[in-house]
Amino acid sequence: MVVCYDITDNRNRFKVMKNLKSKGFHAQLSFFEVEAEDPKVLAGRVRDLIDRADRIAVVRLSGRGRIRRVGSLFEGMEWVL
């Protein structure tokens, strides 16, 4: 699944980033790839770390869904095409 967020407070953003980093791959500034976790559990965990005005999207991919990466290669990232 992928997790994207828009969090205004630096402290809250760091808490969410730290939590997600332990669960998956930090692909972009506010974009994570997370495996093997129930989306509802993950959303509940990070929901407690943000303010009411902030936004987080947790998108579960289907069994056939794959993340396709195009562009510069980040350290530790493999191409999936």
Protein backbone atom coordinates (compact mmCIF):
# COMPACT_ATOMS: atom_id res chain seq x y z
CA MET A 1 0.00 0.00 0.00
CA VAL A 2 1.06 3.60 -0.35
CA VAL A 3 0.73 6.35 2.23
CA CYS A 4 0.78 10.04 1.32
CA TYR A 5 0.42 12.91 3.74
CA ASP A 6 0.16 16.68 3.97
CA ILE A 7 0.99 17.72 7.53
CA THR A 8 1.61 21.37 8.41
CA ASP A 9 3.26 21.01 11.83
CA ASN A 10 6.93 19.95 11.61
CA ARG A 11 6.82 18.05 14.90
CA ASN A 12 3.73 16.05 13.89
CA ARG A 13 5.15 15.43 10.42
CA PHE A 14 8.35 14.03 11.93
CA LYS A 15 6.34 11.72 14.23
CA VAL A 16 4.36 10.35 11.30
CA MET A 17 7.49 9.99 9.16
CA LYS A 18 9.30 8.13 11.95
CA ASN A 19 6.33 5.81 12.46
CA LEU A 20 6.01 5.04 8.75
CA LYS A 21 9.76 4.63 8.28
CA SER A 22 9.66 1.66 10.66
CA LYS A 23 6.92 0.10 8.50
CA GLY A 24 8.12 0.67 4.95
CA PHE A 25 10.15 2.51 2.34
CA HIS A 26 10.37 6.33 2.33
CA ALA A 27 10.01 6.87 -1.43
CA GLN A 28 9.41 10.64 -1.61
CA LEU A 29 9.17 13.56 0.82
CA SER A 30 5.65 12.68 1.98
CA PHE A 31 5.16 9.34 0.28
CA PHE A 32 5.79 5.88 1.75
CA GLU A 33 5.45 2.35 0.42
CA VAL A 34 4.28 0.05 3.21
CA GLU A 35 3.82 -3.73 3.11
CA ALA A 36 1.87 -6.24 5.19
CA GLU A 37 -0.21 -4.08 7.47
CA ASP A 38 -3.95 -3.64 7.74
CA PRO A 39 -4.77 -0.21 6.23
CA LYS A 40 -7.30 0.53 9.01
CA VAL A 41 -4.74 -0.19 11.73
CA LEU A 42 -2.11 1.94 9.99
CA ALA A 43 -4.54 4.82 9.41
CA GLY A 44 -5.64 4.70 13.04
CA ARG A 45 -2.07 4.80 14.30
CA VAL A 46 -1.06 7.85 12.27
CA ARG A 47 -4.42 9.59 12.75
CA ASP A 48 -3.56 9.96 16.44
CA LEU A 49 -0.37 11.86 15.50
CA ILE A 50 -1.90 14.63 13.36
CA ASP A 51 -4.06 17.74 13.72
CA ARG A 52 -7.60 17.96 12.41
CA ALA A 53 -6.57 20.08 9.38
CA ASP A 54 -3.85 17.62 8.23
CA ARG A 55 -4.44 14.94 5.62
CA ILE A 56 -3.22 11.37 5.20
CA ALA A 57 -4.18 9.00 2.40
CA VAL A 58 -3.65 5.24 2.80
CA VAL A 59 -4.15 3.44 -0.52
CA ARG A 60 -4.20 -0.35 -0.58
CA LEU A 61 -3.07 -1.91 -3.83
CA SER A 62 -4.76 -5.02 -5.20
CA GLY A 63 -2.90 -8.31 -5.43
CA ARG A 64 -1.98 -7.44 -8.99
CA GLY A 65 -1.27 -3.81 -8.21
CA ARG A 66 2.35 -2.83 -8.42
CA ILE A 67 4.14 0.41 -7.83
CA ARG A 68 5.83 1.64 -10.98
CA ARG A 69 8.79 3.92 -10.41
CA VAL A 70 10.11 6.24 -13.06
CA GLY A 71 12.82 8.84 -12.60
CA SER A 72 16.01 9.06 -10.59
CA LEU A 73 16.92 6.01 -8.57
CA PHE A 74 16.93 6.49 -4.79
CA GLU A 75 19.45 4.68 -2.62
CA GLY A 76 18.22 1.19 -1.79
CA MET A 77 15.41 1.31 -4.34
CA GLU A 78 14.99 -1.20 -7.14
CA TRP A 79 13.25 -0.38 -10.40
CA VAL A 80 9.80 -1.87 -10.83
CA LEU A 81 8.49 -1.49 -14.36
